[in-house]
Amino acid sequence: MDTGMIIIGERLNSTNKAARTAIESRNASFVHDMARKQADAGAMYIDLNAGMFVEDEPERLEWLTRTAQEAVDVPLSLDSPNAGALERALKVVRTKPIINSITLERERYDSVLPLVLEYGTGVIALCMDDNGMPETTEERVAIADRLISGLTAKGVDISDIFIDPMVRPIGTGSHYGTVVLETIRRVRSEFPEVHITCGLSNISFGLPARKVINQAFMIAAMTCGLDCAILDPLDRKLMAFIYATEALLGKDDFCVNYLTKYREGLIDLQ
């Protein structure tokens, strides 16, 4: 039994300097290597983002999709608000992907939803609308409710929806951690069949020793009901904490997965 957490590997994102350089120079060997490393480390999806290349994002994302698939068989998370870029990638994708992402912003919703329906993808749905990023738990849960209702009414299976409560840096607002955790708890309670995900490292932006914050936040969020995260699977300590938390939450029968990972040398924090 593997961990119940759905791990989306974040390392092939054009906001990452090394990834951006590789995408710019069409360095296929870098993309192959990083895709393999993430899959080997436990990523169940590989997130692909070419958004820093505004002028030719569709072409870049298509290239990135083709190239990553040359190295790994794990499905992809196609990370763009640009419907044109998403469609170029979707036309060459081999395994059912996740579209990352849709929001309740009218223009984005209307351009991305047809692709979700046409290609039968999973979809990450951000708790955000035309008023911007909501401040309170109540606002976020209300947006999640509308997203889930709207998507399922169009025929999207609830198990293909990944609600993202929108993690904001605690360095810019001390309440942002608790707002997200409470949103996760409420969404999990009200919509038990939906997935809940987040961009984990957003929580620590601007702070020193970011990995420590990320690791602590992951444990807290899993306890509230998070079952998916976009993260760095090459952070061995973070991955070890995920396996341990699954066991503690009763999601790893008789700690079989934890023991397996330990025997594989993946849980050794010395």
C-alpha atoms as a PDB file:
ATOM      1  CA  MET A   1       0.000   0.000   0.000  1.00  0.00           C
ATOM      2  CA  ASP A   2       1.394   3.407  -0.930  1.00  0.00           C
ATOM      3  CA  THR A   3       0.660   6.639   0.874  1.00  0.00           C
ATOM      4  CA  GLY A   4      -2.866   7.962   0.478  1.00  0.00           C
ATOM      5  CA  MET A   5      -1.436  11.424  -0.141  1.00  0.00           C
ATOM      6  CA  ILE A   6      -1.399  12.410  -3.798  1.00  0.00           C
ATOM      7  CA  ILE A   7       1.995  13.966  -4.433  1.00  0.00           C
ATOM      8  CA  ILE A   8       2.358  16.421  -7.330  1.00  0.00           C
ATOM      9  CA  GLY A   9       6.021  17.159  -8.022  1.00  0.00           C
ATOM     10  CA  GLU A  10       6.709  20.895  -8.379  1.00  0.00           C
ATOM     11  CA  ARG A  11      10.266  20.971  -9.749  1.00  0.00           C
ATOM     12  CA  LEU A  12       9.479  21.496 -13.468  1.00  0.00           C
ATOM     13  CA  ASN A  13       7.977  24.931 -12.957  1.00  0.00           C
ATOM     14  CA  SER A  14       9.326  27.872 -14.948  1.00  0.00           C
ATOM     15  CA  THR A  15       9.362  30.035 -11.817  1.00  0.00           C
ATOM     16  CA  ASN A  16      12.207  27.745 -10.715  1.00  0.00           C
ATOM     17  CA  LYS A  17      15.424  29.211 -12.151  1.00  0.00           C
ATOM     18  CA  ALA A  18      16.984  25.914 -13.220  1.00  0.00           C
ATOM     19  CA  ALA A  19      13.750  24.714 -14.822  1.00  0.00           C
ATOM     20  CA  ARG A  20      13.239  28.048 -16.578  1.00  0.00           C
ATOM     21  CA  THR A  21      16.753  27.876 -18.063  1.00  0.00           C
ATOM     22  CA  ALA A  22      16.140  24.310 -19.242  1.00  0.00           C
ATOM     23  CA  ILE A  23      12.792  25.169 -20.835  1.00  0.00           C
ATOM     24  CA  GLU A  24      14.281  28.227 -22.510  1.00  0.00           C
ATOM     25  CA  SER A  25      17.171  26.252 -24.028  1.00  0.00           C
ATOM     26  CA  ARG A  26      15.061  23.147 -24.790  1.00  0.00           C
ATOM     27  CA  ASN A  27      17.316  21.084 -22.547  1.00  0.00           C
ATOM     28  CA  ALA A  28      15.516  17.748 -22.819  1.00  0.00           C
ATOM     29  CA  SER A  29      18.024  15.865 -20.662  1.00  0.00           C
ATOM     30  CA  PHE A  30      17.355  18.206 -17.701  1.00  0.00           C
ATOM     31  CA  VAL A  31      13.591  17.687 -18.056  1.00  0.00           C
ATOM     32  CA  HIS A  32      14.016  13.903 -18.380  1.00  0.00           C
ATOM     33  CA  ASP A  33      16.262  13.769 -15.305  1.00  0.00           C
ATOM     34  CA  MET A  34      14.047  15.970 -13.124  1.00  0.00           C
ATOM     35  CA  ALA A  35      10.880  14.119 -14.132  1.00  0.00           C
ATOM     36  CA  ARG A  36      12.506  10.761 -13.308  1.00  0.00           C
ATOM     37  CA  LYS A  37      13.928  11.951  -9.993  1.00  0.00           C
ATOM     38  CA  GLN A  38      10.546  13.221  -8.853  1.00  0.00           C
ATOM     39  CA  ALA A  39       8.719  10.060  -9.927  1.00  0.00           C
ATOM     40  CA  ASP A  40      11.336   7.880  -8.218  1.00  0.00           C
ATOM     41  CA  ALA A  41      10.975   9.948  -5.045  1.00  0.00           C
ATOM     42  CA  GLY A  42       7.222   9.330  -4.889  1.00  0.00           C
ATOM     43  CA  ALA A  43       5.558  11.936  -7.121  1.00  0.00           C
ATOM     44  CA  MET A  44       2.304  10.580  -8.539  1.00  0.00           C
ATOM     45  CA  TYR A  45       1.926  13.530 -10.927  1.00  0.00           C
ATOM     46  CA  ILE A  46       4.536  15.822 -12.439  1.00  0.00           C
ATOM     47  CA  ASP A  47       3.508  19.477 -12.550  1.00  0.00           C
ATOM     48  CA  LEU A  48       4.541  21.290 -15.733  1.00  0.00           C
ATOM     49  CA  ASN A  49       4.563  25.077 -15.928  1.00  0.00           C
ATOM     50  CA  ALA A  50       5.878  27.272 -18.750  1.00  0.00           C
ATOM     51  CA  GLY A  51       4.069  30.402 -17.633  1.00  0.00           C
ATOM     52  CA  MET A  52       7.171  32.593 -17.441  1.00  0.00           C
ATOM     53  CA  PHE A  53       7.326  32.476 -21.243  1.00  0.00           C
ATOM     54  CA  VAL A  54       4.369  34.733 -21.867  1.00  0.00           C
ATOM     55  CA  GLU A  55       4.870  35.170 -25.600  1.00  0.00           C
ATOM     56  CA  ASP A  56       5.145  31.500 -26.537  1.00  0.00           C
ATOM     57  CA  GLU A  57       3.746  29.620 -23.551  1.00  0.00           C
ATOM     58  CA  PRO A  58       1.554  27.285 -25.685  1.00  0.00           C
ATOM     59  CA  GLU A  59       4.528  26.050 -27.685  1.00  0.00           C
ATOM     60  CA  ARG A  60       6.747  25.778 -24.594  1.00  0.00           C
ATOM     61  CA  LEU A  61       4.143  23.826 -22.583  1.00  0.00           C
ATOM     62  CA  GLU A  62       3.570  21.438 -25.478  1.00  0.00           C
ATOM     63  CA  TRP A  63       7.331  20.823 -25.733  1.00  0.00           C
ATOM     64  CA  LEU A  64       7.589  20.348 -21.967  1.00  0.00           C
ATOM     65  CA  THR A  65       4.698  17.857 -22.026  1.00  0.00           C
ATOM     66  CA  ARG A  66       6.170  15.815 -24.869  1.00  0.00           C
ATOM     67  CA  THR A  67       9.607  15.845 -23.268  1.00  0.00           C
ATOM     68  CA  ALA A  68       8.505  14.840 -19.755  1.00  0.00           C
ATOM     69  CA  GLN A  69       6.493  11.945 -21.201  1.00  0.00           C
ATOM     70  CA  GLU A  70       9.624  10.625 -22.893  1.00  0.00           C
ATOM     71  CA  ALA A  71      11.059   9.953 -19.435  1.00  0.00           C
ATOM     72  CA  VAL A  72       8.155   8.945 -17.176  1.00  0.00           C
ATOM     73  CA  ASP A  73       4.780   7.229 -17.360  1.00  0.00           C
ATOM     74  CA  VAL A  74       3.258   9.029 -14.352  1.00  0.00           C
ATOM     75  CA  PRO A  75       0.460  11.438 -15.303  1.00  0.00           C
ATOM     76  CA  LEU A  76       0.976  15.169 -15.576  1.00  0.00           C
ATOM     77  CA  SER A  77      -0.448  18.263 -13.956  1.00  0.00           C
ATOM     78  CA  LEU A  78      -0.690  20.926 -16.660  1.00  0.00           C
ATOM     79  CA  ASP A  79      -0.162  24.194 -14.854  1.00  0.00           C
ATOM     80  CA  SER A  80      -1.516  27.231 -16.698  1.00  0.00           C
ATOM     81  CA  PRO A  81      -4.467  29.631 -16.716  1.00  0.00           C
ATOM     82  CA  ASN A  82      -3.967  29.948 -20.498  1.00  0.00           C
ATOM     83  CA  ALA A  83      -6.560  27.846 -22.336  1.00  0.00           C
ATOM     84  CA  GLY A  84      -4.504  27.955 -25.522  1.00  0.00           C
ATOM     85  CA  ALA A  85      -1.436  26.560 -23.767  1.00  0.00           C
ATOM     86  CA  LEU A  86      -3.498  23.912 -21.999  1.00  0.00           C
ATOM     87  CA  GLU A  87      -5.070  22.732 -25.246  1.00  0.00           C
ATOM     88  CA  ARG A  88      -1.693  22.407 -26.978  1.00  0.00           C
ATOM     89  CA  ALA A  89      -0.483  20.223 -24.103  1.00  0.00           C
ATOM     90  CA  LEU A  90      -3.709  18.220 -23.859  1.00  0.00           C
ATOM     91  CA  LYS A  91      -3.454  17.232 -27.510  1.00  0.00           C
ATOM     92  CA  VAL A  92      -0.163  15.410 -26.885  1.00  0.00           C
ATOM     93  CA  VAL A  93      -0.744  14.071 -23.365  1.00  0.00           C
ATOM     94  CA  ARG A  94      -0.914  10.260 -23.044  1.00  0.00           C
ATOM     95  CA  THR A  95      -2.311   9.634 -19.569  1.00  0.00           C
ATOM     96  CA  LYS A  96      -5.274  11.349 -17.902  1.00  0.00           C
ATOM     97  CA  PRO A  97      -3.862  14.613 -16.552  1.00  0.00           C
ATOM     98  CA  ILE A  98      -4.953  17.226 -14.063  1.00  0.00           C
ATOM     99  CA  ILE A  99      -5.543  20.770 -15.282  1.00  0.00           C
ATOM    100  CA  ASN A 100      -4.019  23.225 -12.837  1.00  0.00           C
ATOM    101  CA  SER A 101      -6.189  25.254 -12.601  1.00  0.00           C
ATOM    102  CA  ILE A 102      -9.670  26.745 -12.761  1.00  0.00           C
ATOM    103  CA  THR A 103     -11.203  29.498 -10.597  1.00  0.00           C
ATOM    104  CA  LEU A 104     -14.576  31.232 -10.329  1.00  0.00           C
ATOM    105  CA  GLU A 105     -13.146  34.168 -12.263  1.00  0.00           C
ATOM    106  CA  ARG A 106     -15.638  34.267 -15.113  1.00  0.00           C
ATOM    107  CA  GLU A 107     -13.226  34.545 -18.030  1.00  0.00           C
ATOM    108  CA  ARG A 108     -10.956  31.790 -16.723  1.00  0.00           C
ATOM    109  CA  TYR A 109     -13.835  29.511 -15.782  1.00  0.00           C
ATOM    110  CA  ASP A 110     -15.453  29.831 -19.200  1.00  0.00           C
ATOM    111  CA  SER A 111     -12.190  29.157 -21.061  1.00  0.00           C
ATOM    112  CA  VAL A 112     -10.874  26.257 -18.967  1.00  0.00           C
ATOM    113  CA  LEU A 113     -14.082  24.302 -18.218  1.00  0.00           C
ATOM    114  CA  PRO A 114     -14.641  23.219 -21.851  1.00  0.00           C
ATOM    115  CA  LEU A 115     -11.160  21.657 -21.861  1.00  0.00           C
ATOM    116  CA  VAL A 116     -11.861  19.745 -18.635  1.00  0.00           C
ATOM    117  CA  LEU A 117     -15.035  18.378 -20.194  1.00  0.00           C
ATOM    118  CA  GLU A 118     -13.626  17.644 -23.659  1.00  0.00           C
ATOM    119  CA  TYR A 119     -10.519  15.847 -22.432  1.00  0.00           C
ATOM    120  CA  GLY A 120     -11.984  14.295 -19.269  1.00  0.00           C
ATOM    121  CA  THR A 121      -9.264  15.615 -16.989  1.00  0.00           C
ATOM    122  CA  GLY A 122      -8.979  16.119 -13.289  1.00  0.00           C
ATOM    123  CA  VAL A 123      -9.006  19.772 -12.273  1.00  0.00           C
ATOM    124  CA  ILE A 124      -7.519  21.848  -9.484  1.00  0.00           C
ATOM    125  CA  ALA A 125     -10.113  24.458  -8.488  1.00  0.00           C
ATOM    126  CA  LEU A 126      -8.780  27.512  -6.668  1.00  0.00           C
ATOM    127  CA  CYS A 127     -10.903  29.272  -4.037  1.00  0.00           C
ATOM    128  CA  MET A 128     -10.800  32.556  -5.915  1.00  0.00           C
ATOM    129  CA  ASP A 129     -13.325  34.623  -7.879  1.00  0.00           C
ATOM    130  CA  ASP A 130     -13.541  37.972  -9.656  1.00  0.00           C
ATOM    131  CA  ASN A 131     -13.198  39.724  -6.301  1.00  0.00           C
ATOM    132  CA  GLY A 132      -9.689  38.267  -5.930  1.00  0.00           C
ATOM    133  CA  MET A 133      -8.278  36.061  -3.207  1.00  0.00           C
ATOM    134  CA  PRO A 134     -10.685  35.838  -0.252  1.00  0.00           C
ATOM    135  CA  GLU A 135      -9.508  36.691   3.232  1.00  0.00           C
ATOM    136  CA  THR A 136     -11.794  34.565   5.390  1.00  0.00           C
ATOM    137  CA  THR A 137     -12.568  30.882   5.803  1.00  0.00           C
ATOM    138  CA  GLU A 138     -16.260  31.553   5.152  1.00  0.00           C
ATOM    139  CA  GLU A 139     -15.556  33.172   1.789  1.00  0.00           C
ATOM    140  CA  ARG A 140     -13.255  30.364   0.712  1.00  0.00           C
ATOM    141  CA  VAL A 141     -15.697  27.618   1.696  1.00  0.00           C
ATOM    142  CA  ALA A 142     -18.496  29.438  -0.147  1.00  0.00           C
ATOM    143  CA  ILE A 143     -16.365  29.594  -3.309  1.00  0.00           C
ATOM    144  CA  ALA A 144     -15.429  25.908  -2.927  1.00  0.00           C
ATOM    145  CA  ASP A 145     -19.148  25.088  -2.666  1.00  0.00           C
ATOM    146  CA  ARG A 146     -19.911  27.013  -5.871  1.00  0.00           C
ATOM    147  CA  LEU A 147     -16.988  25.432  -7.722  1.00  0.00           C
ATOM    148  CA  ILE A 148     -17.966  21.896  -6.718  1.00  0.00           C
ATOM    149  CA  SER A 149     -21.646  22.504  -7.504  1.00  0.00           C
ATOM    150  CA  GLY A 150     -20.869  24.067 -10.874  1.00  0.00           C
ATOM    151  CA  LEU A 151     -18.353  21.473 -11.989  1.00  0.00           C
ATOM    152  CA  THR A 152     -20.400  18.454 -10.925  1.00  0.00           C
ATOM    153  CA  ALA A 153     -23.503  19.929 -12.574  1.00  0.00           C
ATOM    154  CA  LYS A 154     -21.537  19.933 -15.844  1.00  0.00           C
ATOM    155  CA  GLY A 155     -20.641  16.269 -15.389  1.00  0.00           C
ATOM    156  CA  VAL A 156     -17.243  16.448 -13.709  1.00  0.00           C
ATOM    157  CA  ASP A 157     -16.940  13.612 -11.190  1.00  0.00           C
ATOM    158  CA  ILE A 158     -16.363  14.939  -7.681  1.00  0.00           C
ATOM    159  CA  SER A 159     -13.358  12.616  -7.346  1.00  0.00           C
ATOM    160  CA  ASP A 160     -11.742  14.512 -10.237  1.00  0.00           C
ATOM    161  CA  ILE A 161     -11.998  17.848  -8.409  1.00  0.00           C
ATOM    162  CA  PHE A 162      -9.086  19.100  -6.299  1.00  0.00           C
ATOM    163  CA  ILE A 163     -10.088  22.106  -4.185  1.00  0.00           C
ATOM    164  CA  ASP A 164      -7.202  24.473  -3.457  1.00  0.00           C
ATOM    165  CA  PRO A 165      -7.949  26.744  -0.472  1.00  0.00           C
ATOM    166  CA  MET A 166      -5.243  29.215  -1.603  1.00  0.00           C
ATOM    167  CA  VAL A 167      -2.257  29.187   0.724  1.00  0.00           C
ATOM    168  CA  ARG A 168      -0.849  32.635   1.455  1.00  0.00           C
ATOM    169  CA  PRO A 169       2.472  33.327   3.216  1.00  0.00           C
ATOM    170  CA  ILE A 170       2.220  33.519   6.994  1.00  0.00           C
ATOM    171  CA  GLY A 171       4.986  36.115   6.830  1.00  0.00           C
ATOM    172  CA  THR A 172       2.441  38.535   5.336  1.00  0.00           C
ATOM    173  CA  GLY A 173      -0.419  37.683   7.699  1.00  0.00           C
ATOM    174  CA  SER A 174      -0.272  35.685  10.919  1.00  0.00           C
ATOM    175  CA  HIS A 175      -3.800  34.386  10.370  1.00  0.00           C
ATOM    176  CA  TYR A 176      -3.175  32.875   6.935  1.00  0.00           C
ATOM    177  CA  GLY A 177      -2.106  29.521   8.336  1.00  0.00           C
ATOM    178  CA  THR A 178      -5.179  29.052  10.501  1.00  0.00           C
ATOM    179  CA  VAL A 179      -7.521  30.325   7.753  1.00  0.00           C
ATOM    180  CA  VAL A 180      -6.233  27.653   5.363  1.00  0.00           C
ATOM    181  CA  LEU A 181      -6.327  24.890   7.966  1.00  0.00           C
ATOM    182  CA  GLU A 182      -9.906  25.752   8.924  1.00  0.00           C
ATOM    183  CA  THR A 183     -10.909  25.917   5.248  1.00  0.00           C
ATOM    184  CA  ILE A 184      -9.445  22.434   4.687  1.00  0.00           C
ATOM    185  CA  ARG A 185     -11.311  21.126   7.737  1.00  0.00           C
ATOM    186  CA  ARG A 186     -14.630  22.633   6.599  1.00  0.00           C
ATOM    187  CA  VAL A 187     -14.350  21.492   2.987  1.00  0.00           C
ATOM    188  CA  ARG A 188     -13.381  17.971   4.070  1.00  0.00           C
ATOM    189  CA  SER A 189     -16.378  17.851   6.422  1.00  0.00           C
ATOM    190  CA  GLU A 190     -18.887  19.183   3.895  1.00  0.00           C
ATOM    191  CA  PHE A 191     -17.524  17.444   0.779  1.00  0.00           C
ATOM    192  CA  PRO A 192     -15.855  14.211   1.941  1.00  0.00           C
ATOM    193  CA  GLU A 193     -15.412  12.860  -1.604  1.00  0.00           C
ATOM    194  CA  VAL A 194     -13.546  15.837  -3.023  1.00  0.00           C
ATOM    195  CA  HIS A 195      -9.752  16.057  -3.080  1.00  0.00           C
ATOM    196  CA  ILE A 196      -8.085  18.976  -1.326  1.00  0.00           C
ATOM    197  CA  THR A 197      -4.697  20.201  -2.495  1.00  0.00           C
ATOM    198  CA  CYS A 198      -2.408  23.193  -2.128  1.00  0.00           C
ATOM    199  CA  GLY A 199       0.859  24.705  -3.249  1.00  0.00           C
ATOM    200  CA  LEU A 200       2.630  23.797  -0.027  1.00  0.00           C
ATOM    201  CA  SER A 201       5.658  26.074  -0.192  1.00  0.00           C
ATOM    202  CA  ASN A 202       3.565  29.247  -0.532  1.00  0.00           C
ATOM    203  CA  ILE A 203       3.077  29.132   3.244  1.00  0.00           C
ATOM    204  CA  SER A 204       6.769  29.863   3.941  1.00  0.00           C
ATOM    205  CA  PHE A 205       7.485  32.473   1.276  1.00  0.00           C
ATOM    206  CA  GLY A 206       9.827  35.178   2.551  1.00  0.00           C
ATOM    207  CA  LEU A 207      10.873  33.272   5.674  1.00  0.00           C
ATOM    208  CA  PRO A 208      14.233  31.645   6.489  1.00  0.00           C
ATOM    209  CA  ALA A 209      14.578  27.856   6.787  1.00  0.00           C
ATOM    210  CA  ARG A 210      11.484  27.464   4.621  1.00  0.00           C
ATOM    211  CA  LYS A 211      11.596  23.660   4.641  1.00  0.00           C
ATOM    212  CA  VAL A 212      10.882  23.609   8.394  1.00  0.00           C
ATOM    213  CA  ILE A 213       7.711  25.673   7.946  1.00  0.00           C
ATOM    214  CA  ASN A 214       6.663  23.548   4.962  1.00  0.00           C
ATOM    215  CA  GLN A 215       7.134  20.312   6.892  1.00  0.00           C
ATOM    216  CA  ALA A 216       5.201  21.511   9.932  1.00  0.00           C
ATOM    217  CA  PHE A 217       2.406  22.888   7.758  1.00  0.00           C
ATOM    218  CA  MET A 218       2.094  19.616   5.847  1.00  0.00           C
ATOM    219  CA  ILE A 219       1.505  17.666   9.042  1.00  0.00           C
ATOM    220  CA  ALA A 220      -1.068  20.176  10.297  1.00  0.00           C
ATOM    221  CA  ALA A 221      -2.872  20.283   6.935  1.00  0.00           C
ATOM    222  CA  MET A 222      -3.015  16.495   6.627  1.00  0.00           C
ATOM    223  CA  THR A 223      -4.539  16.338  10.093  1.00  0.00           C
ATOM    224  CA  CYS A 224      -7.277  18.709   8.866  1.00  0.00           C
ATOM    225  CA  GLY A 225      -8.010  16.620   5.753  1.00  0.00           C
ATOM    226  CA  LEU A 226      -5.517  17.591   3.035  1.00  0.00           C
ATOM    227  CA  ASP A 227      -5.016  14.581   0.745  1.00  0.00           C
ATOM    228  CA  CYS A 228      -2.921  16.084  -2.050  1.00  0.00           C
ATOM    229  CA  ALA A 229      -0.122  18.634  -2.314  1.00  0.00           C
ATOM    230  CA  ILE A 230       2.082  20.272  -4.899  1.00  0.00           C
ATOM    231  CA  LEU A 231       5.507  19.998  -3.325  1.00  0.00           C
ATOM    232  CA  ASP A 232       9.162  19.064  -3.708  1.00  0.00           C
ATOM    233  CA  PRO A 233       9.308  15.255  -3.496  1.00  0.00           C
ATOM    234  CA  LEU A 234      13.118  15.468  -3.361  1.00  0.00           C
ATOM    235  CA  ASP A 235      12.774  16.856   0.175  1.00  0.00           C
ATOM    236  CA  ARG A 236      13.316  13.501   1.868  1.00  0.00           C
ATOM    237  CA  LYS A 237      12.430  14.746   5.327  1.00  0.00           C
ATOM    238  CA  LEU A 238       9.120  16.162   4.073  1.00  0.00           C
ATOM    239  CA  MET A 239       8.275  12.874   2.376  1.00  0.00           C
ATOM    240  CA  ALA A 240       9.183  10.945   5.528  1.00  0.00           C
ATOM    241  CA  PHE A 241       6.848  13.137   7.578  1.00  0.00           C
ATOM    242  CA  ILE A 242       4.065  12.441   5.079  1.00  0.00           C
ATOM    243  CA  TYR A 243       4.491   8.676   5.499  1.00  0.00           C
ATOM    244  CA  ALA A 244       4.598   9.037   9.294  1.00  0.00           C
ATOM    245  CA  THR A 245       1.503  11.256   9.361  1.00  0.00           C
ATOM    246  CA  GLU A 246      -0.435   8.814   7.185  1.00  0.00           C
ATOM    247  CA  ALA A 247       0.353   6.101   9.711  1.00  0.00           C
ATOM    248  CA  LEU A 248      -0.650   8.308  12.648  1.00  0.00           C
ATOM    249  CA  LEU A 249      -3.961   9.203  10.972  1.00  0.00           C
ATOM    250  CA  GLY A 250      -4.894   5.571  10.460  1.00  0.00           C
ATOM    251  CA  LYS A 251      -4.500   5.713   6.681  1.00  0.00           C
ATOM    252  CA  ASP A 252      -1.701   3.154   6.505  1.00  0.00           C
ATOM    253  CA  ASP A 253      -2.958  -0.232   7.735  1.00  0.00           C
ATOM    254  CA  PHE A 254      -0.532  -1.694  10.255  1.00  0.00           C
ATOM    255  CA  CYS A 255       2.039   0.905   9.091  1.00  0.00           C
ATOM    256  CA  VAL A 256       2.814  -1.262   6.057  1.00  0.00           C
ATOM    257  CA  ASN A 257       3.708   1.673   3.822  1.00  0.00           C
ATOM    258  CA  TYR A 258       5.777   3.354   6.529  1.00  0.00           C
ATOM    259  CA  LEU A 259       7.737   0.146   7.103  1.00  0.00           C
ATOM    260  CA  THR A 260       8.205  -0.339   3.362  1.00  0.00           C
ATOM    261  CA  LYS A 261       9.602   3.164   2.946  1.00  0.00           C
ATOM    262  CA  TYR A 262      11.874   2.607   5.954  1.00  0.00           C
ATOM    263  CA  ARG A 263      13.264  -0.601   4.443  1.00  0.00           C
ATOM    264  CA  GLU A 264      13.808   1.240   1.173  1.00  0.00           C
ATOM    265  CA  GLY A 265      15.981   3.749   3.030  1.00  0.00           C
ATOM    266  CA  LEU A 266      13.532   6.591   2.557  1.00  0.00           C
ATOM    267  CA  ILE A 267      12.936   7.222   6.260  1.00  0.00           C
ATOM    268  CA  ASP A 268      16.312   8.014   7.781  1.00  0.00           C
ATOM    269  CA  LEU A 269      16.585  11.540   9.077  1.00  0.00           C
ATOM    270  CA  GLN A 270      20.065  11.244  10.568  1.00  0.00           C
END
